[in-house]
């Protein structure tokens, strides 16, 4: 019985040591990644990390309606600009935004729906 207890104790020592070693390795890697991220930001001259949005945003004012059918509403432009910023970064800029001139996408959607129907 004592031999069995000694073997179990030895296995637990090994597993504990291995767990500590893996944990230390993960912490070292996290520190290296953090340092590299800081160096990249410094090289790019980027602004500090953006602050998270508050959980209680103020009530949004009604967005003004476009004066002509071709004009894109301001809230849509803001959404496009934020999508570009968060996906591509601040080193890109939007040159122009215009409404779609053709109905090709809606037609293709209708075709897809009609193709999915089975005929009897």
N, C-alpha and C. Protein backbone atom coordinates (compact mmCIF):
# COMPACT_ATOMS: atom_id res chain seq x y z
N UNK A 1 0.81 -1.19 0.00
CA UNK A 1 0.00 0.00 0.00
C UNK A 1 0.86 1.26 0.00
N UNK A 2 1.95 1.22 0.78
CA UNK A 2 2.84 2.37 0.84
C UNK A 2 3.51 2.62 -0.51
N UNK A 3 3.78 1.56 -1.24
CA UNK A 3 4.41 1.69 -2.56
C UNK A 3 3.43 2.39 -3.51
N UNK A 4 2.17 2.02 -3.43
CA UNK A 4 1.15 2.63 -4.28
C UNK A 4 1.00 4.12 -3.95
N UNK A 5 0.98 4.46 -2.68
CA UNK A 5 0.88 5.86 -2.27
C UNK A 5 2.10 6.66 -2.72
N UNK A 6 3.25 6.04 -2.65
CA UNK A 6 4.48 6.72 -3.08
C UNK A 6 4.44 6.97 -4.59
N UNK A 7 3.93 5.99 -5.36
CA UNK A 7 3.84 6.15 -6.81
C UNK A 7 2.85 7.25 -7.18
N UNK A 8 1.71 7.29 -6.49
CA UNK A 8 0.71 8.33 -6.75
C UNK A 8 1.27 9.70 -6.40
N UNK A 9 1.98 9.81 -5.28
CA UNK A 9 2.59 11.07 -4.88
C UNK A 9 3.61 11.54 -5.91
N UNK A 10 4.39 10.60 -6.44
CA UNK A 10 5.40 10.95 -7.45
C UNK A 10 4.73 11.45 -8.73
N UNK A 11 3.63 10.81 -9.15
CA UNK A 11 2.90 11.23 -10.35
C UNK A 11 2.32 12.63 -10.14
N UNK A 12 1.74 12.87 -8.96
CA UNK A 12 1.18 14.19 -8.69
C UNK A 12 2.26 15.26 -8.68
N UNK A 13 3.44 14.95 -8.16
CA UNK A 13 4.54 15.91 -8.18
C UNK A 13 4.91 16.24 -9.63
N UNK A 14 4.98 15.21 -10.46
CA UNK A 14 5.33 15.42 -11.86
C UNK A 14 4.27 16.27 -12.56
N UNK A 15 2.99 15.94 -12.36
CA UNK A 15 1.92 16.70 -13.01
C UNK A 15 1.90 18.14 -12.53
N UNK A 16 2.13 18.35 -11.25
CA UNK A 16 2.16 19.71 -10.70
C UNK A 16 3.32 20.50 -11.30
N UNK A 17 4.48 19.86 -11.37
CA UNK A 17 5.65 20.54 -11.95
C UNK A 17 5.39 20.86 -13.43
N UNK A 18 4.80 19.94 -14.14
CA UNK A 18 4.50 20.17 -15.55
C UNK A 18 3.50 21.30 -15.72
N UNK A 19 2.48 21.33 -14.88
CA UNK A 19 1.49 22.40 -14.94
C UNK A 19 2.12 23.75 -14.66
N UNK A 20 2.99 23.82 -13.67
CA UNK A 20 3.69 25.08 -13.37
C UNK A 20 4.58 25.51 -14.53
N UNK A 21 5.25 24.56 -15.16
CA UNK A 21 6.11 24.86 -16.29
C UNK A 21 5.30 25.40 -17.47
N UNK A 22 4.18 24.77 -17.78
CA UNK A 22 3.32 25.23 -18.88
C UNK A 22 2.75 26.61 -18.57
N UNK A 23 2.32 26.84 -17.34
CA UNK A 23 1.79 28.14 -16.94
C UNK A 23 2.84 29.22 -17.09
N UNK A 24 4.06 28.95 -16.67
CA UNK A 24 5.15 29.92 -16.81
C UNK A 24 5.41 30.21 -18.28
N UNK A 25 5.37 29.19 -19.12
CA UNK A 25 5.59 29.39 -20.54
C UNK A 25 4.52 30.26 -21.17
N UNK A 26 3.28 30.04 -20.78
CA UNK A 26 2.18 30.86 -21.31
C UNK A 26 2.33 32.31 -20.87
N UNK A 27 2.72 32.52 -19.62
CA UNK A 27 2.92 33.89 -19.14
C UNK A 27 4.05 34.59 -19.87
N UNK A 28 5.14 33.87 -20.13
CA UNK A 28 6.26 34.46 -20.88
C UNK A 28 5.82 34.82 -22.29
N UNK A 29 5.08 33.93 -22.95
CA UNK A 29 4.60 34.22 -24.30
C UNK A 29 3.65 35.41 -24.31
N UNK A 30 2.79 35.53 -23.31
CA UNK A 30 1.87 36.66 -23.23
C UNK A 30 2.64 37.97 -23.09
N UNK A 31 3.70 37.96 -22.28
CA UNK A 31 4.54 39.16 -22.10
C UNK A 31 5.24 39.52 -23.41
N UNK A 32 5.74 38.53 -24.12
CA UNK A 32 6.42 38.79 -25.40
C UNK A 32 5.45 39.38 -26.40
N UNK A 33 4.25 38.83 -26.50
CA UNK A 33 3.24 39.35 -27.43
C UNK A 33 2.86 40.78 -27.05
N UNK A 34 2.70 41.04 -25.78
CA UNK A 34 2.37 42.39 -25.33
C UNK A 34 3.47 43.39 -25.69
N UNK A 35 4.71 43.00 -25.48
CA UNK A 35 5.83 43.88 -25.84
C UNK A 35 5.90 44.12 -27.33
N UNK A 36 5.68 43.07 -28.12
CA UNK A 36 5.71 43.23 -29.58
C UNK A 36 4.59 44.14 -30.05
N UNK A 37 3.41 44.00 -29.46
CA UNK A 37 2.29 44.85 -29.83
C UNK A 37 2.60 46.32 -29.52
N UNK A 38 3.22 46.58 -28.38
CA UNK A 38 3.59 47.94 -28.02
C UNK A 38 4.63 48.50 -28.98
N UNK A 39 5.59 47.68 -29.40
CA UNK A 39 6.60 48.13 -30.35
C UNK A 39 5.99 48.44 -31.71
N UNK A 40 5.07 47.61 -32.16
CA UNK A 40 4.41 47.85 -33.45
C UNK A 40 3.63 49.16 -33.41
N UNK A 41 2.91 49.40 -32.31
CA UNK A 41 2.17 50.66 -32.17
C UNK A 41 3.11 51.85 -32.18
N UNK A 42 4.24 51.72 -31.51
CA UNK A 42 5.20 52.81 -31.47
C UNK A 42 5.78 53.08 -32.85
N UNK A 43 6.05 52.02 -33.60
CA UNK A 43 6.59 52.19 -34.95
C UNK A 43 5.57 52.81 -35.90
N UNK A 44 4.33 52.44 -35.74
CA UNK A 44 3.28 53.00 -36.60
C UNK A 44 2.84 54.38 -36.13
N UNK A 45 3.17 54.74 -34.92
CA UNK A 45 2.72 56.02 -34.38
C UNK A 45 1.24 56.02 -34.12
N UNK A 46 0.72 54.87 -33.78
CA UNK A 46 -0.73 54.75 -33.58
C UNK A 46 -1.15 55.36 -32.25
N UNK A 47 -2.40 55.70 -32.20
CA UNK A 47 -2.99 56.23 -30.98
C UNK A 47 -3.14 55.10 -29.98
N UNK A 48 -3.31 55.42 -28.70
CA UNK A 48 -3.53 54.37 -27.72
C UNK A 48 -4.80 53.60 -28.01
N UNK A 49 -4.93 52.45 -27.37
CA UNK A 49 -6.09 51.59 -27.61
C UNK A 49 -7.38 52.35 -27.36
N UNK A 50 -8.39 52.14 -28.21
CA UNK A 50 -9.67 52.82 -28.00
C UNK A 50 -10.34 52.33 -26.73
N UNK A 51 -11.03 53.24 -26.07
CA UNK A 51 -11.76 52.89 -24.86
C UNK A 51 -13.06 52.20 -25.24
N UNK A 52 -13.49 51.22 -24.46
CA UNK A 52 -14.76 50.56 -24.79
C UNK A 52 -15.93 51.52 -24.64
N UNK A 53 -16.96 51.26 -25.42
CA UNK A 53 -18.15 52.09 -25.37
C UNK A 53 -18.84 51.92 -24.03
N UNK A 54 -19.49 52.96 -23.59
CA UNK A 54 -20.19 52.86 -22.31
C UNK A 54 -21.40 51.96 -22.48
N UNK A 55 -21.80 51.33 -21.40
CA UNK A 55 -22.94 50.42 -21.47
C UNK A 55 -24.26 51.15 -21.54
N UNK A 56 -24.28 52.44 -21.20
CA UNK A 56 -25.49 53.24 -21.26
C UNK A 56 -25.30 54.42 -22.20
N UNK A 57 -25.37 54.19 -23.51
CA UNK A 57 -25.16 55.30 -24.43
C UNK A 57 -26.32 56.29 -24.36
N UNK A 58 -26.05 57.57 -24.65
CA UNK A 58 -27.14 58.53 -24.63
C UNK A 58 -28.14 58.23 -25.74
N UNK A 59 -29.35 58.68 -25.55
CA UNK A 59 -30.39 58.43 -26.55
C UNK A 59 -29.99 59.09 -27.87
N UNK A 60 -30.10 58.33 -28.93
CA UNK A 60 -29.70 58.84 -30.24
C UNK A 60 -30.75 59.80 -30.77
N UNK A 61 -30.26 60.90 -31.33
CA UNK A 61 -31.18 61.86 -31.93
C UNK A 61 -31.65 61.29 -33.26
N UNK A 62 -32.80 61.71 -33.67
CA UNK A 62 -33.33 61.24 -34.95
C UNK A 62 -32.42 61.72 -36.06
N UNK A 63 -32.04 60.79 -36.93
CA UNK A 63 -31.12 61.16 -38.00
C UNK A 63 -31.88 61.96 -39.06
N UNK A 64 -31.24 62.99 -39.58
CA UNK A 64 -31.92 63.79 -40.59
C UNK A 64 -32.12 62.99 -41.87
N UNK A 65 -33.24 63.19 -42.47
CA UNK A 65 -33.54 62.50 -43.72
C UNK A 65 -32.79 63.18 -44.86
N UNK A 66 -32.31 62.40 -45.83
CA UNK A 66 -31.60 63.01 -46.95
C UNK A 66 -32.53 63.92 -47.75
N UNK A 67 -31.94 64.99 -48.28
CA UNK A 67 -32.75 65.95 -49.01
C UNK A 67 -33.08 65.47 -50.42
N UNK A 68 -32.26 64.59 -50.97
CA UNK A 68 -32.55 64.03 -52.29
C UNK A 68 -32.45 62.52 -52.21
N UNK A 69 -33.04 61.80 -53.16
CA UNK A 69 -33.00 60.34 -53.12
C UNK A 69 -31.59 59.77 -53.26
N UNK A 70 -30.69 60.50 -53.92
CA UNK A 70 -29.32 60.01 -54.12
C UNK A 70 -28.42 60.28 -52.92
N UNK A 71 -28.84 61.13 -52.00
CA UNK A 71 -28.01 61.46 -50.85
C UNK A 71 -28.11 60.35 -49.79
N UNK A 72 -26.95 59.98 -49.24
CA UNK A 72 -26.90 58.91 -48.24
C UNK A 72 -27.03 59.53 -46.85
N UNK A 73 -27.89 58.98 -45.98
CA UNK A 73 -28.07 59.55 -44.63
C UNK A 73 -26.76 59.56 -43.84
N UNK A 74 -26.65 60.51 -42.93
CA UNK A 74 -25.43 60.69 -42.14
C UNK A 74 -25.13 59.48 -41.27
N UNK A 75 -26.16 58.83 -40.72
CA UNK A 75 -25.91 57.67 -39.86
C UNK A 75 -25.38 56.48 -40.67
N UNK A 76 -25.78 56.37 -41.92
CA UNK A 76 -25.25 55.31 -42.78
C UNK A 76 -23.79 55.60 -43.11
N UNK A 77 -23.46 56.85 -43.40
CA UNK A 77 -22.07 57.23 -43.66
C UNK A 77 -21.20 56.97 -42.43
N UNK A 78 -21.72 57.26 -41.24
CA UNK A 78 -20.98 57.01 -40.01
C UNK A 78 -20.74 55.52 -39.81
N UNK A 79 -21.74 54.72 -40.13
CA UNK A 79 -21.59 53.26 -39.99
C UNK A 79 -20.54 52.74 -40.98
N UNK A 80 -20.54 53.25 -42.19
CA UNK A 80 -19.56 52.83 -43.19
C UNK A 80 -18.16 53.23 -42.73
N UNK A 81 -18.02 54.47 -42.25
CA UNK A 81 -16.71 54.96 -41.80
C UNK A 81 -16.19 54.14 -40.62
N UNK A 82 -17.06 53.81 -39.67
CA UNK A 82 -16.60 53.03 -38.53
C UNK A 82 -16.23 51.60 -38.94
N UNK A 83 -16.96 51.03 -39.89
CA UNK A 83 -16.63 49.69 -40.37
C UNK A 83 -15.27 49.69 -41.06
N UNK A 84 -15.00 50.70 -41.86
CA UNK A 84 -13.69 50.81 -42.53
C UNK A 84 -12.59 50.97 -41.50
N UNK A 85 -12.81 51.84 -40.50
CA UNK A 85 -11.79 52.09 -39.48
C UNK A 85 -11.46 50.83 -38.69
N UNK A 86 -12.49 50.10 -38.25
CA UNK A 86 -12.23 48.94 -37.40
C UNK A 86 -11.75 47.73 -38.17
N UNK A 87 -12.00 47.65 -39.48
CA UNK A 87 -11.50 46.51 -40.23
C UNK A 87 -10.15 46.79 -40.88
N UNK A 88 -9.92 48.03 -41.34
CA UNK A 88 -8.69 48.33 -42.06
C UNK A 88 -7.72 49.20 -41.27
N UNK A 89 -8.18 49.86 -40.22
CA UNK A 89 -7.29 50.70 -39.43
C UNK A 89 -7.39 52.16 -39.84
N UNK A 90 -6.60 52.99 -39.16
CA UNK A 90 -6.70 54.43 -39.41
C UNK A 90 -5.80 54.91 -40.55
N UNK A 91 -5.13 54.00 -41.24
CA UNK A 91 -4.27 54.39 -42.35
C UNK A 91 -5.02 54.37 -43.69
N UNK A 92 -6.32 54.25 -43.64
CA UNK A 92 -7.14 54.24 -44.85
C UNK A 92 -8.17 55.36 -44.77
N UNK A 93 -8.61 55.81 -45.91
CA UNK A 93 -9.66 56.82 -45.92
C UNK A 93 -10.65 56.50 -47.01
N UNK A 94 -11.87 56.94 -46.81
CA UNK A 94 -12.94 56.71 -47.77
C UNK A 94 -12.91 57.86 -48.76
N UNK A 95 -12.82 57.53 -50.04
CA UNK A 95 -12.76 58.55 -51.07
C UNK A 95 -14.16 58.98 -51.48
N UNK A 96 -15.05 58.02 -51.69
CA UNK A 96 -16.41 58.38 -52.06
C UNK A 96 -17.35 57.24 -51.70
N UNK A 97 -18.60 57.62 -51.48
CA UNK A 97 -19.66 56.66 -51.22
C UNK A 97 -20.83 57.07 -52.08
N UNK A 98 -21.36 56.11 -52.83
CA UNK A 98 -22.50 56.44 -53.68
C UNK A 98 -23.48 55.27 -53.65
N UNK A 99 -24.75 55.56 -53.84
CA UNK A 99 -25.73 54.46 -53.85
C UNK A 99 -25.53 53.56 -55.06
N UNK A 100 -25.96 52.32 -54.93
CA UNK A 100 -25.84 51.38 -56.04
C UNK A 100 -26.70 51.86 -57.19
N UNK A 101 -26.13 51.77 -58.40
CA UNK A 101 -26.85 52.28 -59.57
C UNK A 101 -27.64 51.20 -60.29
N UNK A 102 -27.37 49.95 -59.97
CA UNK A 102 -28.10 48.90 -60.68
C UNK A 102 -28.86 48.04 -59.69
N UNK A 103 -29.76 47.28 -60.22
CA UNK A 103 -30.56 46.37 -59.40
C UNK A 103 -30.05 44.94 -59.53
N UNK A 104 -28.79 44.79 -59.92
CA UNK A 104 -28.25 43.46 -60.19
C UNK A 104 -28.28 42.57 -58.95
N UNK A 105 -27.96 43.12 -57.79
CA UNK A 105 -27.94 42.29 -56.58
C UNK A 105 -29.33 41.82 -56.20
N UNK A 106 -30.31 42.69 -56.30
CA UNK A 106 -31.67 42.26 -55.95
C UNK A 106 -32.19 41.25 -56.97
N UNK A 107 -31.85 41.43 -58.23
CA UNK A 107 -32.28 40.46 -59.23
C UNK A 107 -31.62 39.10 -58.99
N UNK A 108 -30.34 39.11 -58.66
CA UNK A 108 -29.65 37.85 -58.39
C UNK A 108 -30.25 37.16 -57.17
N UNK A 109 -30.64 37.93 -56.17
CA UNK A 109 -31.28 37.34 -55.00
C UNK A 109 -32.60 36.68 -55.36
N UNK A 110 -33.39 37.36 -56.20
CA UNK A 110 -34.66 36.76 -56.64
C UNK A 110 -34.41 35.49 -57.44
N UNK A 111 -33.40 35.51 -58.32
CA UNK A 111 -33.09 34.31 -59.10
C UNK A 111 -32.72 33.15 -58.18
N UNK A 112 -31.93 33.45 -57.15
CA UNK A 112 -31.52 32.41 -56.21
C UNK A 112 -32.73 31.81 -55.51
N UNK A 113 -33.66 32.66 -55.12
CA UNK A 113 -34.87 32.16 -54.45
C UNK A 113 -35.71 31.32 -55.40
N UNK A 114 -35.87 31.79 -56.63
CA UNK A 114 -36.67 31.04 -57.59
C UNK A 114 -36.03 29.70 -57.93
N UNK A 115 -34.70 29.67 -58.01
CA UNK A 115 -34.00 28.41 -58.30
C UNK A 115 -34.16 27.41 -57.17
N UNK A 116 -34.31 27.91 -55.94
CA UNK A 116 -34.41 27.00 -54.80
C UNK A 116 -35.79 26.34 -54.72
N UNK A 117 -36.77 26.88 -55.40
CA UNK A 117 -38.11 26.29 -55.36
C UNK A 117 -38.17 25.06 -56.24
N UNK A 118 -38.88 24.06 -55.78
CA UNK A 118 -39.02 22.84 -56.58
C UNK A 118 -40.34 22.90 -57.35
N UNK A 119 -40.28 22.47 -58.58
CA UNK A 119 -41.48 22.46 -59.42
C UNK A 119 -42.13 21.09 -59.34
N UNK A 120 -43.44 21.08 -59.40
CA UNK A 120 -44.16 19.80 -59.33
C UNK A 120 -44.73 19.45 -60.69
